[in-house]
Structures are given as C-alpha cells and as structure tokens.
Amino acid sequence: MVLDILESTLLAVGFAVFASSIILYLKRTTDYRAVLMFWQAEMALSHREFIVNRIGIILMFMGIVLRFANSWMVA
C-alpha cells in the first residue's frame, strides 16, 4: 500500500520537476519550436535547467522501477 502511493508520488513529482525545467527554458529563451521538436536536440539548456531536468527524469525512472518491483513482489 505504501509503495503504491510512493510509486505514484515519484512519477507525479518527477513529471512536475521535468516540466518545470522546460518552463525555465521557455522563460529564458521563448523558443517554443525547440520544445515542440524535442527529438531534434535543439534545446540548449543552462546548467540549472539541465540539473532540474535530470532530477525529474531520475525521479520518474525511480517510480517506474518501483512499479516493476511492486508487481514482482505481488506475483
């Protein structure tokens, strides 16, 4: 039960942190095209934006790993 809540929390917080890095980038550059075409790697993130971005990705990854761990513990 607690791990289910932690899993959802990590995913939600991770996504919010990741989205905040994109918002920081947009406030700094107003380059919406680079965000919409993210697969072309045109976004030049500042050091702060990069760190916030990676923290968000790590939190979401931890939520996904926890989801797999929960399903394996139940089985």
PDB file of N, CA and C in Angstrom:
ATOM      1  N   MET A   1       0.823  -1.201   0.000  1.00  0.00           N
ATOM      2  CA  MET A   1       0.000   0.000   0.000  1.00  0.00           C
ATOM      3  C   MET A   1       0.863   1.260   0.000  1.00  0.00           C
ATOM      4  N   VAL A   2       1.837   1.300   0.893  1.00  0.00           N
ATOM      5  CA  VAL A   2       2.700   2.479   0.964  1.00  0.00           C
ATOM      6  C   VAL A   2       3.545   2.603  -0.299  1.00  0.00           C
ATOM      7  N   LEU A   3       4.005   1.465  -0.819  1.00  0.00           N
ATOM      8  CA  LEU A   3       4.813   1.502  -2.036  1.00  0.00           C
ATOM      9  C   LEU A   3       3.996   1.951  -3.237  1.00  0.00           C
ATOM     10  N   ASP A   4       2.705   1.633  -3.269  1.00  0.00           N
ATOM     11  CA  ASP A   4       1.841   2.100  -4.354  1.00  0.00           C
ATOM     12  C   ASP A   4       1.732   3.627  -4.337  1.00  0.00           C
ATOM     13  N   ILE A   5       1.588   4.177  -3.151  1.00  0.00           N
ATOM     14  CA  ILE A   5       1.496   5.638  -3.013  1.00  0.00           C
ATOM     15  C   ILE A   5       2.828   6.287  -3.384  1.00  0.00           C
ATOM     16  N   LEU A   6       3.934   5.678  -2.931  1.00  0.00           N
ATOM     17  CA  LEU A   6       5.254   6.206  -3.239  1.00  0.00           C
ATOM     18  C   LEU A   6       5.524   6.165  -4.747  1.00  0.00           C
ATOM     19  N   GLU A   7       5.102   5.100  -5.383  1.00  0.00           N
ATOM     20  CA  GLU A   7       5.269   4.954  -6.834  1.00  0.00           C
ATOM     21  C   GLU A   7       4.570   6.081  -7.584  1.00  0.00           C
ATOM     22  N   SER A   8       3.313   6.309  -7.248  1.00  0.00           N
ATOM     23  CA  SER A   8       2.553   7.378  -7.911  1.00  0.00           C
ATOM     24  C   SER A   8       3.129   8.748  -7.597  1.00  0.00           C
ATOM     25  N   THR A   9       3.572   8.926  -6.376  1.00  0.00           N
ATOM     26  CA  THR A   9       4.155  10.203  -5.972  1.00  0.00           C
ATOM     27  C   THR A   9       5.443  10.483  -6.727  1.00  0.00           C
ATOM     28  N   LEU A  10       6.308   9.481  -6.843  1.00  0.00           N
ATOM     29  CA  LEU A  10       7.561   9.664  -7.582  1.00  0.00           C
ATOM     30  C   LEU A  10       7.299  10.009  -9.036  1.00  0.00           C
ATOM     31  N   LEU A  11       6.338   9.332  -9.648  1.00  0.00           N
ATOM     32  CA  LEU A  11       6.014   9.627 -11.050  1.00  0.00           C
ATOM     33  C   LEU A  11       5.467  11.053 -11.209  1.00  0.00           C
ATOM     34  N   ALA A  12       4.563  11.441 -10.326  1.00  0.00           N
ATOM     35  CA  ALA A  12       3.953  12.767 -10.428  1.00  0.00           C
ATOM     36  C   ALA A  12       4.960  13.879 -10.132  1.00  0.00           C
ATOM     37  N   VAL A  13       5.731  13.717  -9.070  1.00  0.00           N
ATOM     38  CA  VAL A  13       6.716  14.735  -8.712  1.00  0.00           C
ATOM     39  C   VAL A  13       7.810  14.797  -9.778  1.00  0.00           C
ATOM     40  N   GLY A  14       8.228  13.639 -10.265  1.00  0.00           N
ATOM     41  CA  GLY A  14       9.240  13.608 -11.320  1.00  0.00           C
ATOM     42  C   GLY A  14       8.776  14.332 -12.561  1.00  0.00           C
ATOM     43  N   PHE A  15       7.521  14.104 -12.952  1.00  0.00           N
ATOM     44  CA  PHE A  15       6.992  14.800 -14.123  1.00  0.00           C
ATOM     45  C   PHE A  15       6.899  16.301 -13.877  1.00  0.00           C
ATOM     46  N   ALA A  16       6.485  16.697 -12.670  1.00  0.00           N
ATOM     47  CA  ALA A  16       6.381  18.125 -12.347  1.00  0.00           C
ATOM     48  C   ALA A  16       7.752  18.794 -12.384  1.00  0.00           C
ATOM     49  N   VAL A  17       8.768  18.131 -11.869  1.00  0.00           N
ATOM     50  CA  VAL A  17      10.121  18.688 -11.881  1.00  0.00           C
ATOM     51  C   VAL A  17      10.636  18.771 -13.321  1.00  0.00           C
ATOM     52  N   PHE A  18      10.398  17.718 -14.109  1.00  0.00           N
ATOM     53  CA  PHE A  18      10.802  17.725 -15.515  1.00  0.00           C
ATOM     54  C   PHE A  18      10.113  18.868 -16.265  1.00  0.00           C
ATOM     55  N   ALA A  19       8.815  19.017 -16.045  1.00  0.00           N
ATOM     56  CA  ALA A  19       8.067  20.093 -16.713  1.00  0.00           C
ATOM     57  C   ALA A  19       8.573  21.463 -16.280  1.00  0.00           C
ATOM     58  N   SER A  20       8.986  21.597 -15.021  1.00  0.00           N
ATOM     59  CA  SER A  20       9.493  22.887 -14.556  1.00  0.00           C
ATOM     60  C   SER A  20      10.805  23.247 -15.259  1.00  0.00           C
ATOM     61  N   SER A  21      11.614  22.246 -15.604  1.00  0.00           N
ATOM     62  CA  SER A  21      12.850  22.552 -16.339  1.00  0.00           C
ATOM     63  C   SER A  21      12.510  23.084 -17.728  1.00  0.00           C
ATOM     64  N   ILE A  22      11.473  22.536 -18.342  1.00  0.00           N
ATOM     65  CA  ILE A  22      11.041  23.022 -19.658  1.00  0.00           C
ATOM     66  C   ILE A  22      10.485  24.441 -19.535  1.00  0.00           C
ATOM     67  N   ILE A  23       9.744  24.700 -18.472  1.00  0.00           N
ATOM     68  CA  ILE A  23       9.203  26.044 -18.245  1.00  0.00           C
ATOM     69  C   ILE A  23      10.329  27.044 -18.022  1.00  0.00           C
ATOM     70  N   LEU A  24      11.351  26.657 -17.256  1.00  0.00           N
ATOM     71  CA  LEU A  24      12.506  27.536 -17.052  1.00  0.00           C
ATOM     72  C   LEU A  24      13.177  27.860 -18.388  1.00  0.00           C
ATOM     73  N   TYR A  25      13.318  26.850 -19.244  1.00  0.00           N
ATOM     74  CA  TYR A  25      13.910  27.059 -20.564  1.00  0.00           C
ATOM     75  C   TYR A  25      13.063  28.024 -21.392  1.00  0.00           C
ATOM     76  N   LEU A  26      11.746  27.820 -21.365  1.00  0.00           N
ATOM     77  CA  LEU A  26      10.865  28.690 -22.153  1.00  0.00           C
ATOM     78  C   LEU A  26      10.888  30.131 -21.641  1.00  0.00           C
ATOM     79  N   LYS A  27      10.968  30.311 -20.332  1.00  0.00           N
ATOM     80  CA  LYS A  27      11.051  31.670 -19.790  1.00  0.00           C
ATOM     81  C   LYS A  27      12.339  32.351 -20.210  1.00  0.00           C
ATOM     82  N   ARG A  28      13.416  31.577 -20.298  1.00  0.00           N
ATOM     83  CA  ARG A  28      14.709  32.148 -20.654  1.00  0.00           C
ATOM     84  C   ARG A  28      14.810  32.436 -22.143  1.00  0.00           C
ATOM     85  N   THR A  29      14.302  31.545 -22.989  1.00  0.00           N
ATOM     86  CA  THR A  29      14.529  31.680 -24.433  1.00  0.00           C
ATOM     87  C   THR A  29      13.290  32.015 -25.256  1.00  0.00           C
ATOM     88  N   THR A  30      12.110  31.680 -24.791  1.00  0.00           N
ATOM     89  CA  THR A  30      10.846  31.769 -25.534  1.00  0.00           C
ATOM     90  C   THR A  30      10.923  31.017 -26.866  1.00  0.00           C
ATOM     91  N   ASP A  31      11.698  29.940 -26.906  1.00  0.00           N
ATOM     92  CA  ASP A  31      11.857  29.124 -28.112  1.00  0.00           C
ATOM     93  C   ASP A  31      10.918  27.918 -28.030  1.00  0.00           C
ATOM     94  N   TYR A  32       9.666  28.142 -28.407  1.00  0.00           N
ATOM     95  CA  TYR A  32       8.657  27.086 -28.333  1.00  0.00           C
ATOM     96  C   TYR A  32       8.907  25.999 -29.379  1.00  0.00           C
ATOM     97  N   ARG A  33       9.512  26.377 -30.488  1.00  0.00           N
ATOM     98  CA  ARG A  33       9.767  25.415 -31.560  1.00  0.00           C
ATOM     99  C   ARG A  33      10.705  24.302 -31.085  1.00  0.00           C
ATOM    100  N   ALA A  34      11.727  24.646 -30.324  1.00  0.00           N
ATOM    101  CA  ALA A  34      12.680  23.647 -29.831  1.00  0.00           C
ATOM    102  C   ALA A  34      12.006  22.674 -28.868  1.00  0.00           C
ATOM    103  N   VAL A  35      11.057  23.166 -28.098  1.00  0.00           N
ATOM    104  CA  VAL A  35      10.345  22.291 -27.154  1.00  0.00           C
ATOM    105  C   VAL A  35       9.401  21.362 -27.910  1.00  0.00           C
ATOM    106  N   LEU A  36       8.725  21.879 -28.906  1.00  0.00           N
ATOM    107  CA  LEU A  36       7.797  21.056 -29.672  1.00  0.00           C
ATOM    108  C   LEU A  36       8.511  20.026 -30.533  1.00  0.00           C
ATOM    109  N   MET A  37       9.744  20.306 -30.921  1.00  0.00           N
ATOM    110  CA  MET A  37      10.522  19.375 -31.735  1.00  0.00           C
ATOM    111  C   MET A  37      11.686  18.841 -30.898  1.00  0.00           C
ATOM    112  N   PHE A  38      11.363  18.283 -29.744  1.00  0.00           N
ATOM    113  CA  PHE A  38      12.369  17.872 -28.761  1.00  0.00           C
ATOM    114  C   PHE A  38      13.288  16.777 -29.270  1.00  0.00           C
ATOM    115  N   TRP A  39      12.851  15.977 -30.241  1.00  0.00           N
ATOM    116  CA  TRP A  39      13.670  14.866 -30.727  1.00  0.00           C
ATOM    117  C   TRP A  39      14.856  15.352 -31.563  1.00  0.00           C
ATOM    118  N   GLN A  40      14.880  16.622 -31.943  1.00  0.00           N
ATOM    119  CA  GLN A  40      15.990  17.135 -32.745  1.00  0.00           C
ATOM    120  C   GLN A  40      17.112  17.720 -31.890  1.00  0.00           C
ATOM    121  N   ALA A  41      16.981  17.701 -30.610  1.00  0.00           N
ATOM    122  CA  ALA A  41      18.019  18.156 -29.673  1.00  0.00           C
ATOM    123  C   ALA A  41      18.475  19.583 -29.945  1.00  0.00           C
ATOM    124  N   GLU A  42      17.521  20.483 -30.135  1.00  0.00           N
ATOM    125  CA  GLU A  42      17.854  21.890 -30.356  1.00  0.00           C
ATOM    126  C   GLU A  42      17.849  22.687 -29.061  1.00  0.00           C
ATOM    127  N   MET A  43      17.370  22.099 -27.996  1.00  0.00           N
ATOM    128  CA  MET A  43      17.296  22.818 -26.723  1.00  0.00           C
ATOM    129  C   MET A  43      18.682  22.887 -26.090  1.00  0.00           C
ATOM    130  N   ALA A  44      19.158  24.095 -25.877  1.00  0.00           N
ATOM    131  CA  ALA A  44      20.431  24.300 -25.202  1.00  0.00           C
ATOM    132  C   ALA A  44      20.116  24.724 -23.765  1.00  0.00           C
ATOM    133  N   LEU A  45      20.020  23.744 -22.889  1.00  0.00           N
ATOM    134  CA  LEU A  45      19.659  24.016 -21.506  1.00  0.00           C
ATOM    135  C   LEU A  45      20.825  24.634 -20.747  1.00  0.00           C
ATOM    136  N   SER A  46      20.514  25.561 -19.843  1.00  0.00           N
ATOM    137  CA  SER A  46      21.543  26.082 -18.962  1.00  0.00           C
ATOM    138  C   SER A  46      21.884  25.003 -17.939  1.00  0.00           C
ATOM    139  N   HIS A  47      22.929  25.237 -17.157  1.00  0.00           N
ATOM    140  CA  HIS A  47      23.345  24.233 -16.174  1.00  0.00           C
ATOM    141  C   HIS A  47      22.223  23.938 -15.184  1.00  0.00           C
ATOM    142  N   ARG A  48      21.567  24.972 -14.694  1.00  0.00           N
ATOM    143  CA  ARG A  48      20.472  24.800 -13.728  1.00  0.00           C
ATOM    144  C   ARG A  48      19.313  24.027 -14.350  1.00  0.00           C
ATOM    145  N   GLU A  49      18.932  24.394 -15.570  1.00  0.00           N
ATOM    146  CA  GLU A  49      17.844  23.700 -16.252  1.00  0.00           C
ATOM    147  C   GLU A  49      18.187  22.232 -16.495  1.00  0.00           C
ATOM    148  N   PHE A  50      19.442  21.974 -16.848  1.00  0.00           N
ATOM    149  CA  PHE A  50      19.880  20.605 -17.095  1.00  0.00           C
ATOM    150  C   PHE A  50      19.786  19.766 -15.822  1.00  0.00           C
ATOM    151  N   ILE A  51      20.247  20.314 -14.702  1.00  0.00           N
ATOM    152  CA  ILE A  51      20.208  19.580 -13.431  1.00  0.00           C
ATOM    153  C   ILE A  51      18.760  19.304 -13.028  1.00  0.00           C
ATOM    154  N   VAL A  52      17.888  20.296 -13.134  1.00  0.00           N
ATOM    155  CA  VAL A  52      16.475  20.115 -12.792  1.00  0.00           C
ATOM    156  C   VAL A  52      15.853  19.068 -13.712  1.00  0.00           C
ATOM    157  N   ASN A  53      16.189  19.114 -14.994  1.00  0.00           N
ATOM    158  CA  ASN A  53      15.689  18.154 -15.971  1.00  0.00           C
ATOM    159  C   ASN A  53      16.086  16.736 -15.587  1.00  0.00           C
ATOM    160  N   ARG A  54      17.344  16.534 -15.256  1.00  0.00           N
ATOM    161  CA  ARG A  54      17.834  15.195 -14.913  1.00  0.00           C
ATOM    162  C   ARG A  54      17.250  14.695 -13.595  1.00  0.00           C
ATOM    163  N   ILE A  55      17.043  15.577 -12.641  1.00  0.00           N
ATOM    164  CA  ILE A  55      16.404  15.168 -11.381  1.00  0.00           C
ATOM    165  C   ILE A  55      14.994  14.668 -11.661  1.00  0.00           C
ATOM    166  N   GLY A  56      14.263  15.365 -12.519  1.00  0.00           N
ATOM    167  CA  GLY A  56      12.915  14.926 -12.885  1.00  0.00           C
ATOM    168  C   GLY A  56      12.919  13.571 -13.572  1.00  0.00           C
ATOM    169  N   ILE A  57      13.868  13.370 -14.474  1.00  0.00           N
ATOM    170  CA  ILE A  57      13.954  12.084 -15.173  1.00  0.00           C
ATOM    171  C   ILE A  57      14.303  10.972 -14.195  1.00  0.00           C
ATOM    172  N   ILE A  58      15.221  11.230 -13.273  1.00  0.00           N
ATOM    173  CA  ILE A  58      15.615  10.216 -12.288  1.00  0.00           C
ATOM    174  C   ILE A  58      14.439   9.858 -11.386  1.00  0.00           C
ATOM    175  N   LEU A  59      13.669  10.857 -10.957  1.00  0.00           N
ATOM    176  CA  LEU A  59      12.500  10.574 -10.109  1.00  0.00           C
ATOM    177  C   LEU A  59      11.472   9.731 -10.852  1.00  0.00           C
ATOM    178  N   MET A  60      11.228  10.054 -12.119  1.00  0.00           N
ATOM    179  CA  MET A  60      10.283   9.250 -12.891  1.00  0.00           C
ATOM    180  C   MET A  60      10.817   7.835 -13.096  1.00  0.00           C
ATOM    181  N   PHE A  61      12.106   7.698 -13.348  1.00  0.00           N
ATOM    182  CA  PHE A  61      12.706   6.375 -13.507  1.00  0.00           C
ATOM    183  C   PHE A  61      12.570   5.564 -12.216  1.00  0.00           C
ATOM    184  N   MET A  62      12.777   6.214 -11.073  1.00  0.00           N
ATOM    185  CA  MET A  62      12.612   5.514  -9.796  1.00  0.00           C
ATOM    186  C   MET A  62      11.172   5.056  -9.605  1.00  0.00           C
ATOM    187  N   GLY A  63      10.208   5.860 -10.027  1.00  0.00           N
ATOM    188  CA  GLY A  63       8.804   5.464  -9.955  1.00  0.00           C
ATOM    189  C   GLY A  63       8.501   4.258 -10.826  1.00  0.00           C
ATOM    190  N   ILE A  64       9.109   4.224 -12.013  1.00  0.00           N
ATOM    191  CA  ILE A  64       8.901   3.077 -12.913  1.00  0.00           C
ATOM    192  C   ILE A  64       9.536   1.823 -12.341  1.00  0.00           C
ATOM    193  N   VAL A  65      10.747   1.946 -11.809  1.00  0.00           N
ATOM    194  CA  VAL A  65      11.414   0.793 -11.191  1.00  0.00           C
ATOM    195  C   VAL A  65      10.598   0.287 -10.012  1.00  0.00           C
ATOM    196  N   LEU A  66      10.063   1.196  -9.225  1.00  0.00           N
ATOM    197  CA  LEU A  66       9.235   0.800  -8.083  1.00  0.00           C
ATOM    198  C   LEU A  66       7.960   0.098  -8.546  1.00  0.00           C
ATOM    199  N   ARG A  67       7.415   0.525  -9.671  1.00  0.00           N
ATOM    200  CA  ARG A  67       6.225  -0.137 -10.215  1.00  0.00           C
ATOM    201  C   ARG A  67       6.544  -1.586 -10.589  1.00  0.00           C
ATOM    202  N   PHE A  68       7.680  -1.808 -11.239  1.00  0.00           N
ATOM    203  CA  PHE A  68       8.088  -3.182 -11.561  1.00  0.00           C
ATOM    204  C   PHE A  68       8.342  -3.989 -10.293  1.00  0.00           C
ATOM    205  N   ALA A  69       8.988  -3.393  -9.311  1.00  0.00           N
ATOM    206  CA  ALA A  69       9.278  -4.087  -8.057  1.00  0.00           C
ATOM    207  C   ALA A  69       7.982  -4.471  -7.345  1.00  0.00           C
ATOM    208  N   ASN A  70       7.006  -3.577  -7.369  1.00  0.00           N
ATOM    209  CA  ASN A  70       5.711  -3.883  -6.745  1.00  0.00           C
ATOM    210  C   ASN A  70       5.029  -5.047  -7.444  1.00  0.00           C
ATOM    211  N   SER A  71       5.077  -5.056  -8.770  1.00  0.00           N
ATOM    212  CA  SER A  71       4.399  -6.146  -9.484  1.00  0.00           C
ATOM    213  C   SER A  71       5.113  -7.470  -9.255  1.00  0.00           C
ATOM    214  N   TRP A  72       6.437  -7.470  -9.094  1.00  0.00           N
ATOM    215  CA  TRP A  72       7.177  -8.696  -8.839  1.00  0.00           C
ATOM    216  C   TRP A  72       6.954  -9.202  -7.425  1.00  0.00           C
ATOM    217  N   MET A  73       6.773  -8.276  -6.465  1.00  0.00           N
ATOM    218  CA  MET A  73       6.556  -8.697  -5.074  1.00  0.00           C
ATOM    219  C   MET A  73       5.175  -9.304  -4.900  1.00  0.00           C
ATOM    220  N   VAL A  74       4.200  -8.839  -5.675  1.00  0.00           N
ATOM    221  CA  VAL A  74       2.842  -9.360  -5.580  1.00  0.00           C
ATOM    222  C   VAL A  74       2.755 -10.749  -6.207  1.00  0.00           C
ATOM    223  N   ALA A  75       3.480 -10.943  -7.304  1.00  0.00           N
ATOM    224  CA  ALA A  75       3.410 -12.217  -8.038  1.00  0.00           C
ATOM    225  C   ALA A  75       4.048 -13.362  -7.296  1.00  0.00           C
TER     226      ALA A  75
END
